[in-house]
Amino acid sequence: MSIIKGSWNNEATLPIKCPECRHITHELISKLQNAKSCFCAGCGKNIIITGDGLASLEALKKTIEGFKQ
């Protein structure tokens, strides 16, 4: 099972689990790179990407950029 959905471009998404309701929202990686947050599709809570999640997102961004070259 792949964590990332979509192609290696602006259509790729990541699953984000809401800390409140545990609903999984699939958010565009390109949006997360800019906003560092998303809204839960289940309860509407704003989920802020911090700490390890933010470090992982930055590492993923570098990997994607490497594939685009």
PDB file of N, CA and C in Angstrom:
ATOM      1  N   MET A   1       0.845  -1.186   0.000  1.00  0.00           N
ATOM      2  CA  MET A   1       0.000   0.000   0.000  1.00  0.00           C
ATOM      3  C   MET A   1       0.883   1.241   0.000  1.00  0.00           C
ATOM      4  N   SER A   2       0.658   2.127  -0.934  1.00  0.00           N
ATOM      5  CA  SER A   2       1.442   3.350  -1.041  1.00  0.00           C
ATOM      6  C   SER A   2       0.836   4.442  -0.169  1.00  0.00           C
ATOM      7  N   ILE A   3       1.705   5.190   0.479  1.00  0.00           N
ATOM      8  CA  ILE A   3       1.241   6.311   1.297  1.00  0.00           C
ATOM      9  C   ILE A   3       0.898   7.489   0.408  1.00  0.00           C
ATOM     10  N   ILE A   4       1.729   7.707  -0.605  1.00  0.00           N
ATOM     11  CA  ILE A   4       1.525   8.837  -1.500  1.00  0.00           C
ATOM     12  C   ILE A   4       0.598   8.433  -2.625  1.00  0.00           C
ATOM     13  N   LYS A   5      -0.386   9.244  -2.892  1.00  0.00           N
ATOM     14  CA  LYS A   5      -1.299   9.017  -4.005  1.00  0.00           C
ATOM     15  C   LYS A   5      -1.044  10.073  -5.063  1.00  0.00           C
ATOM     16  N   GLY A   6      -1.189   9.680  -6.321  1.00  0.00           N
ATOM     17  CA  GLY A   6      -0.991  10.618  -7.415  1.00  0.00           C
ATOM     18  C   GLY A   6       0.398  10.488  -7.990  1.00  0.00           C
ATOM     19  N   SER A   7       0.667  11.281  -9.004  1.00  0.00           N
ATOM     20  CA  SER A   7       1.970  11.253  -9.654  1.00  0.00           C
ATOM     21  C   SER A   7       2.934  12.177  -8.914  1.00  0.00           C
ATOM     22  N   TRP A   8       4.204  12.140  -9.309  1.00  0.00           N
ATOM     23  CA  TRP A   8       5.228  12.961  -8.671  1.00  0.00           C
ATOM     24  C   TRP A   8       5.174  14.383  -9.207  1.00  0.00           C
ATOM     25  N   ASN A   9       4.053  15.014  -9.029  1.00  0.00           N
ATOM     26  CA  ASN A   9       3.913  16.412  -9.441  1.00  0.00           C
ATOM     27  C   ASN A   9       2.924  17.076  -8.497  1.00  0.00           C
ATOM     28  N   ASN A  10       2.280  18.097  -8.904  1.00  0.00           N
ATOM     29  CA  ASN A  10       1.371  18.829  -8.014  1.00  0.00           C
ATOM     30  C   ASN A  10       0.086  18.094  -7.689  1.00  0.00           C
ATOM     31  N   GLU A  11      -0.105  16.871  -8.224  1.00  0.00           N
ATOM     32  CA  GLU A  11      -1.301  16.096  -7.922  1.00  0.00           C
ATOM     33  C   GLU A  11      -1.084  15.088  -6.796  1.00  0.00           C
ATOM     34  N   ALA A  12       0.153  14.914  -6.320  1.00  0.00           N
ATOM     35  CA  ALA A  12       0.453  13.932  -5.287  1.00  0.00           C
ATOM     36  C   ALA A  12      -0.140  14.372  -3.944  1.00  0.00           C
ATOM     37  N   THR A  13      -0.711  13.407  -3.216  1.00  0.00           N
ATOM     38  CA  THR A  13      -1.317  13.699  -1.914  1.00  0.00           C
ATOM     39  C   THR A  13      -0.715  12.822  -0.826  1.00  0.00           C
ATOM     40  N   LEU A  14      -0.863  13.276   0.408  1.00  0.00           N
ATOM     41  CA  LEU A  14      -0.460  12.509   1.579  1.00  0.00           C
ATOM     42  C   LEU A  14      -1.657  12.361   2.505  1.00  0.00           C
ATOM     43  N   PRO A  15      -1.760  11.209   3.187  1.00  0.00           N
ATOM     44  CA  PRO A  15      -2.829  11.059   4.174  1.00  0.00           C
ATOM     45  C   PRO A  15      -2.433  11.760   5.473  1.00  0.00           C
ATOM     46  N   ILE A  16      -3.328  12.570   6.000  1.00  0.00           N
ATOM     47  CA  ILE A  16      -3.117  13.273   7.265  1.00  0.00           C
ATOM     48  C   ILE A  16      -4.206  12.827   8.237  1.00  0.00           C
ATOM     49  N   LYS A  17      -3.789  12.248   9.371  1.00  0.00           N
ATOM     50  CA  LYS A  17      -4.764  11.787  10.368  1.00  0.00           C
ATOM     51  C   LYS A  17      -5.049  12.908  11.362  1.00  0.00           C
ATOM     52  N   CYS A  18      -6.307  13.205  11.548  1.00  0.00           N
ATOM     53  CA  CYS A  18      -6.733  14.252  12.475  1.00  0.00           C
ATOM     54  C   CYS A  18      -6.483  13.796  13.921  1.00  0.00           C
ATOM     55  N   PRO A  19      -5.836  14.629  14.728  1.00  0.00           N
ATOM     56  CA  PRO A  19      -5.614  14.259  16.121  1.00  0.00           C
ATOM     57  C   PRO A  19      -6.891  14.279  16.960  1.00  0.00           C
ATOM     58  N   GLU A  20      -7.937  14.946  16.477  1.00  0.00           N
ATOM     59  CA  GLU A  20      -9.206  15.021  17.206  1.00  0.00           C
ATOM     60  C   GLU A  20     -10.125  13.839  16.910  1.00  0.00           C
ATOM     61  N   CYS A  21     -10.480  13.662  15.631  1.00  0.00           N
ATOM     62  CA  CYS A  21     -11.493  12.655  15.277  1.00  0.00           C
ATOM     63  C   CYS A  21     -10.899  11.423  14.595  1.00  0.00           C
ATOM     64  N   ARG A  22      -9.584  11.446  14.292  1.00  0.00           N
ATOM     65  CA  ARG A  22      -8.861  10.332  13.662  1.00  0.00           C
ATOM     66  C   ARG A  22      -9.234  10.111  12.195  1.00  0.00           C
ATOM     67  N   HIS A  23     -10.019  11.010  11.615  1.00  0.00           N
ATOM     68  CA  HIS A  23     -10.360  10.917  10.197  1.00  0.00           C
ATOM     69  C   HIS A  23      -9.094  11.153   9.372  1.00  0.00           C
ATOM     70  N   ILE A  24      -8.959  10.451   8.259  1.00  0.00           N
ATOM     71  CA  ILE A  24      -7.806  10.629   7.392  1.00  0.00           C
ATOM     72  C   ILE A  24      -8.217  11.481   6.188  1.00  0.00           C
ATOM     73  N   THR A  25      -7.539  12.612   6.050  1.00  0.00           N
ATOM     74  CA  THR A  25      -7.762  13.535   4.942  1.00  0.00           C
ATOM     75  C   THR A  25      -6.569  13.441   4.009  1.00  0.00           C
ATOM     76  N   HIS A  26      -6.807  13.308   2.719  1.00  0.00           N
ATOM     77  CA  HIS A  26      -5.721  13.282   1.737  1.00  0.00           C
ATOM     78  C   HIS A  26      -5.524  14.703   1.223  1.00  0.00           C
ATOM     79  N   GLU A  27      -4.339  15.256   1.506  1.00  0.00           N
ATOM     80  CA  GLU A  27      -4.053  16.648   1.156  1.00  0.00           C
ATOM     81  C   GLU A  27      -2.927  16.711   0.131  1.00  0.00           C
ATOM     82  N   LEU A  28      -3.017  17.670  -0.786  1.00  0.00           N
ATOM     83  CA  LEU A  28      -1.979  17.862  -1.790  1.00  0.00           C
ATOM     84  C   LEU A  28      -0.646  18.206  -1.133  1.00  0.00           C
ATOM     85  N   ILE A  29       0.418  17.518  -1.555  1.00  0.00           N
ATOM     86  CA  ILE A  29       1.746  17.809  -1.025  1.00  0.00           C
ATOM     87  C   ILE A  29       2.127  19.248  -1.334  1.00  0.00           C
ATOM     88  N   SER A  30       1.806  19.704  -2.539  1.00  0.00           N
ATOM     89  CA  SER A  30       2.149  21.076  -2.923  1.00  0.00           C
ATOM     90  C   SER A  30       1.486  22.095  -1.991  1.00  0.00           C
ATOM     91  N   LYS A  31       0.281  21.818  -1.538  1.00  0.00           N
ATOM     92  CA  LYS A  31      -0.402  22.728  -0.608  1.00  0.00           C
ATOM     93  C   LYS A  31       0.262  22.679   0.767  1.00  0.00           C
ATOM     94  N   LEU A  32       0.607  21.467   1.217  1.00  0.00           N
ATOM     95  CA  LEU A  32       1.238  21.333   2.523  1.00  0.00           C
ATOM     96  C   LEU A  32       2.605  22.008   2.558  1.00  0.00           C
ATOM     97  N   GLN A  33       3.329  21.976   1.444  1.00  0.00           N
ATOM     98  CA  GLN A  33       4.639  22.620   1.387  1.00  0.00           C
ATOM     99  C   GLN A  33       4.519  24.117   1.603  1.00  0.00           C
ATOM    100  N   ASN A  34       3.439  24.705   1.154  1.00  0.00           N
ATOM    101  CA  ASN A  34       3.239  26.150   1.297  1.00  0.00           C
ATOM    102  C   ASN A  34       2.551  26.516   2.608  1.00  0.00           C
ATOM    103  N   ALA A  35       1.493  25.805   2.945  1.00  0.00           N
ATOM    104  CA  ALA A  35       0.656  26.192   4.078  1.00  0.00           C
ATOM    105  C   ALA A  35       1.086  25.572   5.401  1.00  0.00           C
ATOM    106  N   LYS A  36       1.684  24.376   5.377  1.00  0.00           N
ATOM    107  CA  LYS A  36       2.083  23.633   6.582  1.00  0.00           C
ATOM    108  C   LYS A  36       0.887  23.311   7.480  1.00  0.00           C
ATOM    109  N   SER A  37      -0.315  23.320   6.887  1.00  0.00           N
ATOM    110  CA  SER A  37      -1.521  22.952   7.626  1.00  0.00           C
ATOM    111  C   SER A  37      -2.614  22.559   6.639  1.00  0.00           C
ATOM    112  N   CYS A  38      -3.654  21.904   7.175  1.00  0.00           N
ATOM    113  CA  CYS A  38      -4.819  21.566   6.363  1.00  0.00           C
ATOM    114  C   CYS A  38      -6.022  21.436   7.293  1.00  0.00           C
ATOM    115  N   PHE A  39      -7.192  21.359   6.701  1.00  0.00           N
ATOM    116  CA  PHE A  39      -8.414  21.195   7.481  1.00  0.00           C
ATOM    117  C   PHE A  39      -8.884  19.753   7.388  1.00  0.00           C
ATOM    118  N   CYS A  40      -9.302  19.188   8.507  1.00  0.00           N
ATOM    119  CA  CYS A  40      -9.823  17.828   8.543  1.00  0.00           C
ATOM    120  C   CYS A  40     -11.161  17.790   7.798  1.00  0.00           C
ATOM    121  N   ALA A  41     -11.293  16.833   6.888  1.00  0.00           N
ATOM    122  CA  ALA A  41     -12.547  16.682   6.142  1.00  0.00           C
ATOM    123  C   ALA A  41     -13.641  16.088   7.029  1.00  0.00           C
ATOM    124  N   GLY A  42     -13.268  15.522   8.170  1.00  0.00           N
ATOM    125  CA  GLY A  42     -14.239  14.926   9.081  1.00  0.00           C
ATOM    126  C   GLY A  42     -14.862  15.921  10.042  1.00  0.00           C
ATOM    127  N   CYS A  43     -14.003  16.634  10.804  1.00  0.00           N
ATOM    128  CA  CYS A  43     -14.520  17.524  11.846  1.00  0.00           C
ATOM    129  C   CYS A  43     -14.240  19.005  11.579  1.00  0.00           C
ATOM    130  N   GLY A  44     -13.418  19.309  10.572  1.00  0.00           N
ATOM    131  CA  GLY A  44     -13.129  20.691  10.236  1.00  0.00           C
ATOM    132  C   GLY A  44     -11.996  21.326  11.012  1.00  0.00           C
ATOM    133  N   LYS A  45     -11.370  20.581  11.922  1.00  0.00           N
ATOM    134  CA  LYS A  45     -10.271  21.126  12.713  1.00  0.00           C
ATOM    135  C   LYS A  45      -9.089  21.469  11.810  1.00  0.00           C
ATOM    136  N   ASN A  46      -8.418  22.579  12.106  1.00  0.00           N
ATOM    137  CA  ASN A  46      -7.210  22.957  11.389  1.00  0.00           C
ATOM    138  C   ASN A  46      -6.053  22.119  11.944  1.00  0.00           C
ATOM    139  N   ILE A  47      -5.409  21.338  11.092  1.00  0.00           N
ATOM    140  CA  ILE A  47      -4.307  20.476  11.499  1.00  0.00           C
ATOM    141  C   ILE A  47      -3.011  21.153  11.060  1.00  0.00           C
ATOM    142  N   ILE A  48      -2.175  21.509  12.012  1.00  0.00           N
ATOM    143  CA  ILE A  48      -0.911  22.177  11.723  1.00  0.00           C
ATOM    144  C   ILE A  48       0.196  21.135  11.713  1.00  0.00           C
ATOM    145  N   ILE A  49       0.986  21.134  10.653  1.00  0.00           N
ATOM    146  CA  ILE A  49       2.083  20.190  10.511  1.00  0.00           C
ATOM    147  C   ILE A  49       3.308  20.782  11.210  1.00  0.00           C
ATOM    148  N   THR A  50       3.792  20.097  12.253  1.00  0.00           N
ATOM    149  CA  THR A  50       4.938  20.589  13.022  1.00  0.00           C
ATOM    150  C   THR A  50       5.893  19.438  13.321  1.00  0.00           C
ATOM    151  N   GLY A  51       7.003  19.747  13.922  1.00  0.00           N
ATOM    152  CA  GLY A  51       7.944  18.747  14.415  1.00  0.00           C
ATOM    153  C   GLY A  51       8.376  17.737  13.381  1.00  0.00           C
ATOM    154  N   ASP A  52       8.246  16.446  13.723  1.00  0.00           N
ATOM    155  CA  ASP A  52       8.652  15.360  12.830  1.00  0.00           C
ATOM    156  C   ASP A  52       7.880  15.389  11.519  1.00  0.00           C
ATOM    157  N   GLY A  53       6.611  15.739  11.583  1.00  0.00           N
ATOM    158  CA  GLY A  53       5.807  15.813  10.363  1.00  0.00           C
ATOM    159  C   GLY A  53       6.330  16.867   9.409  1.00  0.00           C
ATOM    160  N   LEU A  54       6.746  17.996   9.946  1.00  0.00           N
ATOM    161  CA  LEU A  54       7.292  19.068   9.123  1.00  0.00           C
ATOM    162  C   LEU A  54       8.645  18.658   8.541  1.00  0.00           C
ATOM    163  N   ALA A  55       9.480  18.000   9.341  1.00  0.00           N
ATOM    164  CA  ALA A  55      10.782  17.526   8.858  1.00  0.00           C
ATOM    165  C   ALA A  55      10.588  16.494   7.750  1.00  0.00           C
ATOM    166  N   SER A  56       9.619  15.603   7.924  1.00  0.00           N
ATOM    167  CA  SER A  56       9.329  14.597   6.898  1.00  0.00           C
ATOM    168  C   SER A  56       8.832  15.250   5.622  1.00  0.00           C
ATOM    169  N   LEU A  57       8.010  16.253   5.747  1.00  0.00           N
ATOM    170  CA  LEU A  57       7.489  16.963   4.584  1.00  0.00           C
ATOM    171  C   LEU A  57       8.623  17.648   3.818  1.00  0.00           C
ATOM    172  N   GLU A  58       9.564  18.248   4.525  1.00  0.00           N
ATOM    173  CA  GLU A  58      10.698  18.903   3.872  1.00  0.00           C
ATOM    174  C   GLU A  58      11.583  17.873   3.167  1.00  0.00           C
ATOM    175  N   ALA A  59      11.800  16.705   3.797  1.00  0.00           N
ATOM    176  CA  ALA A  59      12.591  15.647   3.166  1.00  0.00           C
ATOM    177  C   ALA A  59      11.886  15.138   1.909  1.00  0.00           C
ATOM    178  N   LEU A  60      10.573  14.995   1.981  1.00  0.00           N
ATOM    179  CA  LEU A  60       9.803  14.543   0.826  1.00  0.00           C
ATOM    180  C   LEU A  60       9.877  15.569  -0.304  1.00  0.00           C
ATOM    181  N   LYS A  61       9.836  16.842   0.048  1.00  0.00           N
ATOM    182  CA  LYS A  61       9.943  17.907  -0.954  1.00  0.00           C
ATOM    183  C   LYS A  61      11.267  17.797  -1.705  1.00  0.00           C
ATOM    184  N   LYS A  62      12.363  17.578  -0.989  1.00  0.00           N
ATOM    185  CA  LYS A  62      13.673  17.440  -1.622  1.00  0.00           C
ATOM    186  C   LYS A  62      13.714  16.213  -2.522  1.00  0.00           C
ATOM    187  N   THR A  63      13.100  15.125  -2.090  1.00  0.00           N
ATOM    188  CA  THR A  63      13.064  13.904  -2.893  1.00  0.00           C
ATOM    189  C   THR A  63      12.295  14.146  -4.189  1.00  0.00           C
ATOM    190  N   ILE A  64      11.150  14.783  -4.089  1.00  0.00           N
ATOM    191  CA  ILE A  64      10.322  15.077  -5.270  1.00  0.00           C
ATOM    192  C   ILE A  64      11.083  15.974  -6.235  1.00  0.00           C
ATOM    193  N   GLU A  65      11.760  16.983  -5.712  1.00  0.00           N
ATOM    194  CA  GLU A  65      12.528  17.880  -6.563  1.00  0.00           C
ATOM    195  C   GLU A  65      13.634  17.120  -7.294  1.00  0.00           C
ATOM    196  N   GLY A  66      14.233  16.116  -6.635  1.00  0.00           N
ATOM    197  CA  GLY A  66      15.262  15.296  -7.246  1.00  0.00           C
ATOM    198  C   GLY A  66      14.723  14.481  -8.398  1.00  0.00           C
ATOM    199  N   PHE A  67      13.485  13.991  -8.290  1.00  0.00           N
ATOM    200  CA  PHE A  67      12.857  13.232  -9.362  1.00  0.00           C
ATOM    201  C   PHE A  67      12.499  14.099 -10.561  1.00  0.00           C
ATOM    202  N   LYS A  68      12.196  15.350 -10.310  1.00  0.00           N
ATOM    203  CA  LYS A  68      11.786  16.258 -11.384  1.00  0.00           C
ATOM    204  C   LYS A  68      12.956  16.669 -12.273  1.00  0.00           C
ATOM    205  N   GLN A  69      14.179  16.562 -11.760  1.00  0.00           N
ATOM    206  CA  GLN A  69      15.356  17.016 -12.515  1.00  0.00           C
ATOM    207  C   GLN A  69      15.725  16.080 -13.621  1.00  0.00           C
TER     208      GLN A  69
END
